[in-house]
C-alpha atoms as a PDB file:
ATOM      1  CA  UNK A   1      11.867  40.541 -80.708  1.00  0.00           C
ATOM      2  CA  UNK A   2      14.757  38.299 -79.806  1.00  0.00           C
ATOM      3  CA  UNK A   3      16.819  39.198 -76.807  1.00  0.00           C
ATOM      4  CA  UNK A   4      20.415  38.205 -76.384  1.00  0.00           C
ATOM      5  CA  UNK A   5      21.456  37.443 -72.825  1.00  0.00           C
ATOM      6  CA  UNK A   6      25.177  37.584 -72.087  1.00  0.00           C
ATOM      7  CA  UNK A   7      26.497  35.827 -68.997  1.00  0.00           C
ATOM      8  CA  UNK A   8      29.660  37.166 -67.411  1.00  0.00           C
ATOM      9  CA  UNK A   9      31.796  34.538 -65.730  1.00  0.00           C
ATOM     10  CA  UNK A  10      33.843  35.968 -62.900  1.00  0.00           C
ATOM     11  CA  UNK A  11      37.025  33.977 -62.439  1.00  0.00           C
ATOM     12  CA  UNK A  12      38.499  33.761 -58.960  1.00  0.00           C
ATOM     13  CA  UNK A  13      42.005  32.376 -58.658  1.00  0.00           C
ATOM     14  CA  UNK A  14      42.795  30.598 -55.411  1.00  0.00           C
ATOM     15  CA  UNK A  15      46.407  29.688 -54.815  1.00  0.00           C
ATOM     16  CA  UNK A  16      47.631  27.248 -52.199  1.00  0.00           C
ATOM     17  CA  UNK A  17      50.694  28.792 -50.584  1.00  0.00           C
ATOM     18  CA  UNK A  18      51.909  26.281 -47.978  1.00  0.00           C
ATOM     19  CA  UNK A  19      53.601  26.882 -44.658  1.00  0.00           C
ATOM     20  CA  UNK A  20      57.358  27.504 -44.874  1.00  0.00           C
ATOM     21  CA  UNK A  21      58.223  23.896 -44.027  1.00  0.00           C
ATOM     22  CA  UNK A  22      55.494  22.325 -46.173  1.00  0.00           C
ATOM     23  CA  UNK A  23      55.434  21.152 -49.754  1.00  0.00           C
ATOM     24  CA  UNK A  24      53.206  22.909 -52.317  1.00  0.00           C
ATOM     25  CA  UNK A  25      50.609  20.161 -52.748  1.00  0.00           C
ATOM     26  CA  UNK A  26      46.797  20.311 -52.826  1.00  0.00           C
ATOM     27  CA  UNK A  27      46.218  16.564 -53.104  1.00  0.00           C
ATOM     28  CA  UNK A  28      45.802  16.626 -56.911  1.00  0.00           C
ATOM     29  CA  UNK A  29      48.964  18.289 -58.112  1.00  0.00           C
ATOM     30  CA  UNK A  30      52.107  19.744 -56.636  1.00  0.00           C
ATOM     31  CA  UNK A  31      54.930  22.125 -57.499  1.00  0.00           C
ATOM     32  CA  UNK A  32      58.339  21.866 -55.872  1.00  0.00           C
ATOM     33  CA  UNK A  33      61.991  22.517 -56.636  1.00  0.00           C
ATOM     34  CA  UNK A  34      63.845  19.659 -58.280  1.00  0.00           C
ATOM     35  CA  UNK A  35      65.837  17.890 -55.567  1.00  0.00           C
ATOM     36  CA  UNK A  36      69.442  18.922 -55.331  1.00  0.00           C
ATOM     37  CA  UNK A  37      72.263  16.406 -55.213  1.00  0.00           C
ATOM     38  CA  UNK A  38      72.547  16.936 -51.472  1.00  0.00           C
ATOM     39  CA  UNK A  39      69.079  17.244 -49.968  1.00  0.00           C
ATOM     40  CA  UNK A  40      65.388  17.522 -50.911  1.00  0.00           C
ATOM     41  CA  UNK A  41      63.964  21.054 -51.055  1.00  0.00           C
ATOM     42  CA  UNK A  42      60.501  22.370 -50.247  1.00  0.00           C
ATOM     43  CA  UNK A  43      61.228  25.908 -51.509  1.00  0.00           C
ATOM     44  CA  UNK A  44      63.623  27.765 -53.781  1.00  0.00           C
ATOM     45  CA  UNK A  45      66.159  29.443 -51.475  1.00  0.00           C
ATOM     46  CA  UNK A  46      68.720  31.278 -53.586  1.00  0.00           C
ATOM     47  CA  UNK A  47      71.423  33.832 -52.816  1.00  0.00           C
ATOM     48  CA  UNK A  48      71.800  36.482 -55.488  1.00  0.00           C
ATOM     49  CA  UNK A  49      73.626  39.660 -56.338  1.00  0.00           C
ATOM     50  CA  UNK A  50      72.326  42.544 -58.475  1.00  0.00           C
ATOM     51  CA  UNK A  51      72.655  41.835 -62.185  1.00  0.00           C
ATOM     52  CA  UNK A  52      72.944  38.051 -61.778  1.00  0.00           C
ATOM     53  CA  UNK A  53      70.984  35.433 -63.733  1.00  0.00           C
ATOM     54  CA  UNK A  54      69.918  32.341 -61.779  1.00  0.00           C
ATOM     55  CA  UNK A  55      68.733  29.038 -63.196  1.00  0.00           C
ATOM     56  CA  UNK A  56      66.878  26.270 -61.420  1.00  0.00           C
ATOM     57  CA  UNK A  57      64.371  23.502 -62.104  1.00  0.00           C
ATOM     58  CA  UNK A  58      60.883  22.716 -60.822  1.00  0.00           C
ATOM     59  CA  UNK A  59      58.876  19.506 -60.831  1.00  0.00           C
ATOM     60  CA  UNK A  60      55.130  19.642 -61.531  1.00  0.00           C
ATOM     61  CA  UNK A  61      53.393  16.419 -60.460  1.00  0.00           C
ATOM     62  CA  UNK A  62      49.878  15.264 -61.373  1.00  0.00           C
ATOM     63  CA  UNK A  63      48.545  12.704 -58.884  1.00  0.00           C
ATOM     64  CA  UNK A  64      45.075  12.340 -60.469  1.00  0.00           C
ATOM     65  CA  UNK A  65      43.855   9.654 -62.897  1.00  0.00           C
ATOM     66  CA  UNK A  66      43.479  12.137 -65.764  1.00  0.00           C
ATOM     67  CA  UNK A  67      45.680  14.450 -67.788  1.00  0.00           C
ATOM     68  CA  UNK A  68      45.965  18.020 -66.463  1.00  0.00           C
ATOM     69  CA  UNK A  69      47.122  21.213 -68.156  1.00  0.00           C
ATOM     70  CA  UNK A  70      48.602  24.090 -66.166  1.00  0.00           C
ATOM     71  CA  UNK A  71      49.591  27.669 -66.800  1.00  0.00           C
ATOM     72  CA  UNK A  72      52.908  28.489 -65.128  1.00  0.00           C
ATOM     73  CA  UNK A  73      54.003  31.913 -63.944  1.00  0.00           C
ATOM     74  CA  UNK A  74      56.188  33.548 -61.296  1.00  0.00           C
ATOM     75  CA  UNK A  75      54.378  35.784 -58.812  1.00  0.00           C
ATOM     76  CA  UNK A  76      55.157  38.333 -56.114  1.00  0.00           C
ATOM     77  CA  UNK A  77      54.245  37.308 -52.576  1.00  0.00           C
ATOM     78  CA  UNK A  78      52.637  39.570 -49.985  1.00  0.00           C
ATOM     79  CA  UNK A  79      50.974  39.437 -46.571  1.00  0.00           C
ATOM     80  CA  UNK A  80      47.186  39.576 -46.656  1.00  0.00           C
ATOM     81  CA  UNK A  81      45.428  42.341 -44.739  1.00  0.00           C
ATOM     82  CA  UNK A  82      42.930  39.897 -43.234  1.00  0.00           C
ATOM     83  CA  UNK A  83      45.274  37.743 -41.134  1.00  0.00           C
ATOM     84  CA  UNK A  84      48.808  38.365 -42.350  1.00  0.00           C
ATOM     85  CA  UNK A  85      49.039  35.035 -44.179  1.00  0.00           C
ATOM     86  CA  UNK A  86      51.088  34.826 -47.362  1.00  0.00           C
ATOM     87  CA  UNK A  87      49.410  35.129 -50.753  1.00  0.00           C
ATOM     88  CA  UNK A  88      50.578  35.732 -54.332  1.00  0.00           C
ATOM     89  CA  UNK A  89      49.495  38.107 -57.063  1.00  0.00           C
ATOM     90  CA  UNK A  90      47.250  36.674 -59.753  1.00  0.00           C
ATOM     91  CA  UNK A  91      48.415  35.765 -63.223  1.00  0.00           C
ATOM     92  CA  UNK A  92      46.711  38.847 -64.719  1.00  0.00           C
ATOM     93  CA  UNK A  93      48.115  41.260 -62.117  1.00  0.00           C
ATOM     94  CA  UNK A  94      51.215  43.381 -62.603  1.00  0.00           C
ATOM     95  CA  UNK A  95      54.255  41.780 -60.977  1.00  0.00           C
ATOM     96  CA  UNK A  96      56.817  44.193 -59.562  1.00  0.00           C
ATOM     97  CA  UNK A  97      59.432  42.141 -57.732  1.00  0.00           C
ATOM     98  CA  UNK A  98      60.256  38.422 -57.953  1.00  0.00           C
ATOM     99  CA  UNK A  99      57.291  37.965 -60.277  1.00  0.00           C
ATOM    100  CA  UNK A 100      58.831  40.421 -62.741  1.00  0.00           C
ATOM    101  CA  UNK A 101      62.286  38.840 -62.483  1.00  0.00           C
ATOM    102  CA  UNK A 102      61.338  35.196 -62.993  1.00  0.00           C
ATOM    103  CA  UNK A 103      60.072  33.219 -65.964  1.00  0.00           C
ATOM    104  CA  UNK A 104      59.439  29.481 -66.342  1.00  0.00           C
ATOM    105  CA  UNK A 105      60.830  27.615 -69.334  1.00  0.00           C
ATOM    106  CA  UNK A 106      57.261  26.986 -70.506  1.00  0.00           C
ATOM    107  CA  UNK A 107      54.142  29.043 -69.863  1.00  0.00           C
ATOM    108  CA  UNK A 108      51.841  26.038 -70.348  1.00  0.00           C
ATOM    109  CA  UNK A 109      52.575  22.434 -69.423  1.00  0.00           C
ATOM    110  CA  UNK A 110      50.462  19.296 -69.808  1.00  0.00           C
ATOM    111  CA  UNK A 111      51.148  16.548 -67.289  1.00  0.00           C
ATOM    112  CA  UNK A 112      49.855  13.001 -67.923  1.00  0.00           C
ATOM    113  CA  UNK A 113      47.968  11.128 -65.212  1.00  0.00           C
ATOM    114  CA  UNK A 114      50.116  10.125 -62.228  1.00  0.00           C
ATOM    115  CA  UNK A 115      53.216  11.616 -63.814  1.00  0.00           C
ATOM    116  CA  UNK A 116      55.673  14.479 -63.365  1.00  0.00           C
ATOM    117  CA  UNK A 117      57.216  17.042 -65.695  1.00  0.00           C
ATOM    118  CA  UNK A 118      60.405  18.991 -64.995  1.00  0.00           C
ATOM    119  CA  UNK A 119      60.434  22.643 -66.055  1.00  0.00           C
ATOM    120  CA  UNK A 120      63.326  25.089 -66.061  1.00  0.00           C
ATOM    121  CA  UNK A 121      63.118  28.375 -64.143  1.00  0.00           C
ATOM    122  CA  UNK A 122      65.177  31.514 -64.825  1.00  0.00           C
ATOM    123  CA  UNK A 123      65.481  34.506 -62.518  1.00  0.00           C
ATOM    124  CA  UNK A 124      67.173  37.674 -63.791  1.00  0.00           C
ATOM    125  CA  UNK A 125      68.040  39.978 -60.911  1.00  0.00           C
ATOM    126  CA  UNK A 126      68.052  43.682 -61.914  1.00  0.00           C
ATOM    127  CA  UNK A 127      71.239  45.652 -61.393  1.00  0.00           C
ATOM    128  CA  UNK A 128      69.351  48.066 -59.144  1.00  0.00           C
ATOM    129  CA  UNK A 129      67.696  45.343 -57.033  1.00  0.00           C
ATOM    130  CA  UNK A 130      67.497  46.423 -53.407  1.00  0.00           C
ATOM    131  CA  UNK A 131      69.470  44.372 -50.870  1.00  0.00           C
ATOM    132  CA  UNK A 132      67.671  42.009 -48.540  1.00  0.00           C
ATOM    133  CA  UNK A 133      64.930  39.410 -48.870  1.00  0.00           C
ATOM    134  CA  UNK A 134      62.565  39.135 -51.843  1.00  0.00           C
ATOM    135  CA  UNK A 135      59.799  36.518 -51.764  1.00  0.00           C
ATOM    136  CA  UNK A 136      57.635  35.095 -54.525  1.00  0.00           C
ATOM    137  CA  UNK A 137      56.412  31.777 -55.918  1.00  0.00           C
ATOM    138  CA  UNK A 138      56.347  29.608 -59.008  1.00  0.00           C
ATOM    139  CA  UNK A 139      52.618  28.962 -59.509  1.00  0.00           C
ATOM    140  CA  UNK A 140      50.878  26.234 -61.508  1.00  0.00           C
ATOM    141  CA  UNK A 141      47.260  27.197 -62.300  1.00  0.00           C
ATOM    142  CA  UNK A 142      44.820  24.488 -63.380  1.00  0.00           C
ATOM    143  CA  UNK A 143      43.191  25.319 -66.721  1.00  0.00           C
ATOM    144  CA  UNK A 144      39.882  23.889 -65.555  1.00  0.00           C
ATOM    145  CA  UNK A 145      37.254  26.319 -64.257  1.00  0.00           C
ATOM    146  CA  UNK A 146      35.127  24.966 -61.441  1.00  0.00           C
ATOM    147  CA  UNK A 147      31.756  26.277 -60.355  1.00  0.00           C
ATOM    148  CA  UNK A 148      31.868  28.664 -57.449  1.00  0.00           C
ATOM    149  CA  UNK A 149      29.289  29.635 -54.850  1.00  0.00           C
ATOM    150  CA  UNK A 150      27.393  31.941 -57.223  1.00  0.00           C
ATOM    151  CA  UNK A 151      25.787  31.205 -60.607  1.00  0.00           C
ATOM    152  CA  UNK A 152      28.217  33.566 -62.349  1.00  0.00           C
ATOM    153  CA  UNK A 153      31.279  32.614 -60.336  1.00  0.00           C
ATOM    154  CA  UNK A 154      34.043  30.337 -61.548  1.00  0.00           C
ATOM    155  CA  UNK A 155      37.102  29.254 -59.579  1.00  0.00           C
ATOM    156  CA  UNK A 156      40.532  28.332 -60.855  1.00  0.00           C
ATOM    157  CA  UNK A 157      42.942  26.734 -58.429  1.00  0.00           C
ATOM    158  CA  UNK A 158      46.679  27.129 -58.275  1.00  0.00           C
ATOM    159  CA  UNK A 159      49.583  25.763 -56.258  1.00  0.00           C
ATOM    160  CA  UNK A 160      52.701  27.817 -55.586  1.00  0.00           C
ATOM    161  CA  UNK A 161      56.219  26.794 -54.561  1.00  0.00           C
ATOM    162  CA  UNK A 162      57.902  29.566 -52.603  1.00  0.00           C
ATOM    163  CA  UNK A 163      60.910  31.463 -53.925  1.00  0.00           C
ATOM    164  CA  UNK A 164      63.204  33.138 -51.396  1.00  0.00           C
ATOM    165  CA  UNK A 165      65.852  35.412 -52.891  1.00  0.00           C
ATOM    166  CA  UNK A 166      68.488  36.978 -50.673  1.00  0.00           C
ATOM    167  CA  UNK A 167      70.093  39.866 -52.561  1.00  0.00           C
ATOM    168  CA  UNK A 168      73.589  40.890 -51.490  1.00  0.00           C
ATOM    169  CA  UNK A 169      73.943  44.041 -49.435  1.00  0.00           C
ATOM    170  CA  UNK A 170      73.314  45.383 -45.933  1.00  0.00           C
ATOM    171  CA  UNK A 171      70.586  43.524 -44.065  1.00  0.00           C
ATOM    172  CA  UNK A 172      68.526  45.865 -41.915  1.00  0.00           C
ATOM    173  CA  UNK A 173      65.781  44.233 -39.831  1.00  0.00           C
ATOM    174  CA  UNK A 174      63.119  46.612 -38.582  1.00  0.00           C
ATOM    175  CA  UNK A 175      59.785  46.144 -36.819  1.00  0.00           C
ATOM    176  CA  UNK A 176      57.105  48.549 -35.599  1.00  0.00           C
ATOM    177  CA  UNK A 177      53.836  48.215 -33.675  1.00  0.00           C
ATOM    178  CA  UNK A 178      51.380  50.915 -34.695  1.00  0.00           C
ATOM    179  CA  UNK A 179      47.864  52.103 -33.796  1.00  0.00           C
ATOM    180  CA  UNK A 180      47.224  49.870 -30.762  1.00  0.00           C
ATOM    181  CA  UNK A 181      43.552  49.801 -29.732  1.00  0.00           C
ATOM    182  CA  UNK A 182      42.215  48.095 -26.601  1.00  0.00           C
ATOM    183  CA  UNK A 183      38.431  47.557 -26.587  1.00  0.00           C
ATOM    184  CA  UNK A 184      36.995  46.318 -23.293  1.00  0.00           C
ATOM    185  CA  UNK A 185      33.719  44.394 -23.372  1.00  0.00           C
ATOM    186  CA  UNK A 186      33.489  42.854 -19.931  1.00  0.00           C
ATOM    187  CA  UNK A 187      30.364  41.564 -18.109  1.00  0.00           C
ATOM    188  CA  UNK A 188      28.280  44.292 -16.491  1.00  0.00           C
ATOM    189  CA  UNK A 189      28.654  42.488 -13.188  1.00  0.00           C
ATOM    190  CA  UNK A 190      32.233  41.258 -12.557  1.00  0.00           C
ATOM    191  CA  UNK A 191      32.795  37.462 -12.433  1.00  0.00           C
ATOM    192  CA  UNK A 192      29.342  36.716 -13.884  1.00  0.00           C
ATOM    193  CA  UNK A 193      30.302  35.964 -17.497  1.00  0.00           C
ATOM    194  CA  UNK A 194      33.080  35.759 -20.058  1.00  0.00           C
ATOM    195  CA  UNK A 195      35.000  38.717 -21.419  1.00  0.00           C
ATOM    196  CA  UNK A 196      34.937  39.565 -25.121  1.00  0.00           C
ATOM    197  CA  UNK A 197      37.596  42.259 -24.940  1.00  0.00           C
ATOM    198  CA  UNK A 198      39.893  42.626 -27.935  1.00  0.00           C
ATOM    199  CA  UNK A 199      43.222  44.198 -28.713  1.00  0.00           C
ATOM    200  CA  UNK A 200      43.993  45.286 -32.274  1.00  0.00           C
ATOM    201  CA  UNK A 201      47.179  46.681 -33.773  1.00  0.00           C
ATOM    202  CA  UNK A 202      49.195  47.110 -36.964  1.00  0.00           C
ATOM    203  CA  UNK A 203      52.390  45.097 -37.329  1.00  0.00           C
ATOM    204  CA  UNK A 204      54.834  46.711 -39.776  1.00  0.00           C
ATOM    205  CA  UNK A 205      58.059  45.262 -41.160  1.00  0.00           C
ATOM    206  CA  UNK A 206      60.097  48.426 -41.672  1.00  0.00           C
ATOM    207  CA  UNK A 207      63.307  46.634 -42.688  1.00  0.00           C
ATOM    208  CA  UNK A 208      64.530  44.650 -45.699  1.00  0.00           C
ATOM    209  CA  UNK A 209      64.506  41.087 -44.295  1.00  0.00           C
ATOM    210  CA  UNK A 210      61.581  38.747 -43.665  1.00  0.00           C
ATOM    211  CA  UNK A 211      60.741  38.295 -40.006  1.00  0.00           C
ATOM    212  CA  UNK A 212      59.157  35.684 -37.747  1.00  0.00           C
ATOM    213  CA  UNK A 213      57.645  38.069 -35.188  1.00  0.00           C
ATOM    214  CA  UNK A 214      56.569  37.341 -31.637  1.00  0.00           C
ATOM    215  CA  UNK A 215      54.186  39.740 -29.906  1.00  0.00           C
ATOM    216  CA  UNK A 216      53.664  40.049 -26.148  1.00  0.00           C
ATOM    217  CA  UNK A 217      51.107  42.134 -24.276  1.00  0.00           C
ATOM    218  CA  UNK A 218      51.745  43.789 -20.931  1.00  0.00           C
ATOM    219  CA  UNK A 219      49.356  45.745 -18.708  1.00  0.00           C
ATOM    220  CA  UNK A 220      50.583  48.578 -16.484  1.00  0.00           C
ATOM    221  CA  UNK A 221      48.687  50.643 -13.920  1.00  0.00           C
ATOM    222  CA  UNK A 222      46.081  49.868 -11.234  1.00  0.00           C
ATOM    223  CA  UNK A 223      43.651  47.162 -12.320  1.00  0.00           C
ATOM    224  CA  UNK A 224      41.913  43.894 -11.546  1.00  0.00           C
ATOM    225  CA  UNK A 225      41.855  41.113 -14.123  1.00  0.00           C
ATOM    226  CA  UNK A 226      43.932  38.364 -15.648  1.00  0.00           C
ATOM    227  CA  UNK A 227      47.729  38.071 -15.938  1.00  0.00           C
ATOM    228  CA  UNK A 228      49.734  41.248 -16.404  1.00  0.00           C
ATOM    229  CA  UNK A 229      51.600  39.777 -19.397  1.00  0.00           C
ATOM    230  CA  UNK A 230      50.579  37.342 -22.152  1.00  0.00           C
ATOM    231  CA  UNK A 231      51.885  36.269 -25.568  1.00  0.00           C
ATOM    232  CA  UNK A 232      49.577  36.825 -28.519  1.00  0.00           C
ATOM    233  CA  UNK A 233      48.866  33.837 -30.747  1.00  0.00           C
ATOM    234  CA  UNK A 234      47.426  35.236 -33.994  1.00  0.00           C
ATOM    235  CA  UNK A 235      50.700  36.502 -35.419  1.00  0.00           C
ATOM    236  CA  UNK A 236      51.876  35.827 -38.999  1.00  0.00           C
ATOM    237  CA  UNK A 237      54.622  33.215 -39.298  1.00  0.00           C
ATOM    238  CA  UNK A 238      56.403  35.350 -41.896  1.00  0.00           C
ATOM    239  CA  UNK A 239      56.178  39.115 -42.265  1.00  0.00           C
ATOM    240  CA  UNK A 240      57.753  40.235 -45.541  1.00  0.00           C
ATOM    241  CA  UNK A 241      59.849  43.399 -45.945  1.00  0.00           C
ATOM    242  CA  UNK A 242      57.769  46.562 -46.209  1.00  0.00           C
ATOM    243  CA  UNK A 243      54.522  44.763 -45.399  1.00  0.00           C
ATOM    244  CA  UNK A 244      52.064  45.877 -42.718  1.00  0.00           C
ATOM    245  CA  UNK A 245      49.062  43.924 -41.463  1.00  0.00           C
ATOM    246  CA  UNK A 246      46.166  44.835 -39.202  1.00  0.00           C
ATOM    247  CA  UNK A 247      45.651  42.156 -36.548  1.00  0.00           C
ATOM    248  CA  UNK A 248      43.024  41.638 -33.863  1.00  0.00           C
ATOM    249  CA  UNK A 249      42.862  39.121 -31.041  1.00  0.00           C
ATOM    250  CA  UNK A 250      40.320  38.404 -28.317  1.00  0.00           C
ATOM    251  CA  UNK A 251      41.554  38.737 -24.741  1.00  0.00           C
ATOM    252  CA  UNK A 252      39.740  36.705 -22.119  1.00  0.00           C
ATOM    253  CA  UNK A 253      41.879  37.923 -19.221  1.00  0.00           C
ATOM    254  CA  UNK A 254      41.516  41.645 -19.852  1.00  0.00           C
ATOM    255  CA  UNK A 255      41.212  44.019 -16.872  1.00  0.00           C
ATOM    256  CA  UNK A 256      37.576  44.499 -15.865  1.00  0.00           C
ATOM    257  CA  UNK A 257      38.211  47.396 -13.513  1.00  0.00           C
ATOM    258  CA  UNK A 258      41.007  49.934 -13.186  1.00  0.00           C
ATOM    259  CA  UNK A 259      43.127  52.220 -15.295  1.00  0.00           C
ATOM    260  CA  UNK A 260      46.506  52.047 -16.987  1.00  0.00           C
ATOM    261  CA  UNK A 261      48.171  51.187 -20.291  1.00  0.00           C
ATOM    262  CA  UNK A 262      48.165  48.163 -22.589  1.00  0.00           C
ATOM    263  CA  UNK A 263      51.574  47.849 -24.258  1.00  0.00           C
ATOM    264  CA  UNK A 264      52.351  45.511 -27.145  1.00  0.00           C
ATOM    265  CA  UNK A 265      55.967  44.607 -27.872  1.00  0.00           C
ATOM    266  CA  UNK A 266      57.029  42.811 -31.043  1.00  0.00           C
ATOM    267  CA  UNK A 267      60.427  41.135 -31.415  1.00  0.00           C
ATOM    268  CA  UNK A 268      62.117  39.221 -34.225  1.00  0.00           C
ATOM    269  CA  UNK A 269      65.830  38.543 -34.485  1.00  0.00           C
ATOM    270  CA  UNK A 270      67.436  41.889 -33.622  1.00  0.00           C
ATOM    271  CA  UNK A 271      64.323  43.942 -34.453  1.00  0.00           C
ATOM    272  CA  UNK A 272      62.011  45.312 -31.781  1.00  0.00           C
ATOM    273  CA  UNK A 273      59.040  47.657 -31.707  1.00  0.00           C
ATOM    274  CA  UNK A 274      56.261  48.597 -29.294  1.00  0.00           C
ATOM    275  CA  UNK A 275      53.044  50.582 -29.043  1.00  0.00           C
ATOM    276  CA  UNK A 276      50.445  51.202 -26.348  1.00  0.00           C
ATOM    277  CA  UNK A 277      46.910  52.330 -25.593  1.00  0.00           C
ATOM    278  CA  UNK A 278      45.477  53.661 -22.324  1.00  0.00           C
ATOM    279  CA  UNK A 279      42.287  52.424 -20.682  1.00  0.00           C
ATOM    280  CA  UNK A 280      39.850  53.336 -17.933  1.00  0.00           C
ATOM    281  CA  UNK A 281      37.467  50.514 -17.083  1.00  0.00           C
ATOM    282  CA  UNK A 282      34.714  50.861 -14.451  1.00  0.00           C
ATOM    283  CA  UNK A 283      31.836  48.292 -14.503  1.00  0.00           C
ATOM    284  CA  UNK A 284      28.388  49.849 -14.325  1.00  0.00           C
ATOM    285  CA  UNK A 285      27.604  48.123 -11.002  1.00  0.00           C
ATOM    286  CA  UNK A 286      30.723  49.535  -9.393  1.00  0.00           C
ATOM    287  CA  UNK A 287      30.087  52.901 -11.007  1.00  0.00           C
ATOM    288  CA  UNK A 288      26.549  52.849  -9.648  1.00  0.00           C
ATOM    289  CA  UNK A 289      27.763  52.002  -6.152  1.00  0.00           C
ATOM    290  CA  UNK A 290      30.334  54.788  -6.282  1.00  0.00           C
ATOM    291  CA  UNK A 291      27.677  57.200  -7.486  1.00  0.00           C
ATOM    292  CA  UNK A 292      25.349  56.189  -4.624  1.00  0.00           C
ATOM    293  CA  UNK A 293      28.146  56.553  -2.092  1.00  0.00           C
ATOM    294  CA  UNK A 294      29.056  59.962  -3.491  1.00  0.00           C
ATOM    295  CA  UNK A 295      25.405  61.062  -3.397  1.00  0.00           C
ATOM    296  CA  UNK A 296      25.034  59.765   0.157  1.00  0.00           C
ATOM    297  CA  UNK A 297      28.198  61.563   1.244  1.00  0.00           C
ATOM    298  CA  UNK A 298      27.005  64.785  -0.357  1.00  0.00           C
ATOM    299  CA  UNK A 299      23.618  64.489   1.338  1.00  0.00           C
ATOM    300  CA  UNK A 300      25.217  63.879   4.741  1.00  0.00           C
ATOM    301  CA  UNK A 301      27.487  66.923   4.354  1.00  0.00           C
ATOM    302  CA  UNK A 302      24.542  69.123   3.377  1.00  0.00           C
ATOM    303  CA  UNK A 303      22.544  67.989   6.394  1.00  0.00           C
ATOM    304  CA  UNK A 304      25.470  68.660   8.693  1.00  0.00           C
ATOM    305  CA  UNK A 305      25.937  72.167   7.300  1.00  0.00           C
ATOM    306  CA  UNK A 306      22.193  72.817   7.624  1.00  0.00           C
ATOM    307  CA  UNK A 307      22.208  71.586  11.219  1.00  0.00           C
ATOM    308  CA  UNK A 308      25.240  73.747  11.980  1.00  0.00           C
ATOM    309  CA  UNK A 309      23.547  76.863  10.572  1.00  0.00           C
ATOM    310  CA  UNK A 310      20.373  76.144  12.556  1.00  0.00           C
ATOM    311  CA  UNK A 311      22.341  75.806  15.790  1.00  0.00           C
ATOM    312  CA  UNK A 312      24.247  79.122  15.436  1.00  0.00           C
ATOM    313  CA  UNK A 313      21.383  81.559  16.567  1.00  0.00           C
ATOM    314  CA  UNK A 314      20.596  79.477  19.638  1.00  0.00           C
ATOM    315  CA  UNK A 315      24.219  79.619  20.743  1.00  0.00           C
ATOM    316  CA  UNK A 316      24.176  83.494  20.504  1.00  0.00           C
ATOM    317  CA  UNK A 317      21.159  83.743  22.860  1.00  0.00           C
END
């Protein structure tokens, strides 16, 4: 009996989405806006009003020694849950915002070795588009499928040039800090090792403009430990409207004894939000000493009461 074995190839699309000031380039190919007559551009930054149609041009460059073919599409951008970095929806996913509004002049483009091709880009803004910032990308996906880590895993790479649309209307920045959790993991004996305490929280853009948030941490109450106020480092450079991300950061200077509140305050432009968590931290050595002192005090009081009761009859005689 002959058996037919079917192998399923799982395609994983990875898209390079550069920092705001960087060009969309992975060392083999790049996507960027065609330079304007005034200045070079690293991203599409376009004002718009509801119902408008915008036209622009992009340059796809192949820096390899061989011909490359790309699929082009416009994608929605979002903040990842893992670290808040920007990512885009895949070519097979449903686009709901900028990805649904934009379309390149060609869906497939072949670029000769060490050459560039210019492609038109059209963005049709719906009449009911909400005011504020809308972020997406023009993505060029390599047609080649490369072997991934698993035997049934294939990887396609893409490069995306950011698209920033600012739709006319009231701009309402908003920022919230939600579900703050302080987890203390200090050495059992103070000053004998490093702290692995962490603070985690949800950062939520509640407005309609993209934000560059800054988050500070402040400790209130009675405690011993590091500085009472620090600035957190692992904060996304851009938090898009409506997006929320769960973030966690280690804290080497956390209180190792005491009680109080840990308050996180996020600021960006005119937006501000804060959240807090309470703590009670008593190292086991200190707790043991306090327990021994309490037990000793209780024993002394009992002995004194017993001695007082024993002395009462003798005083009557």
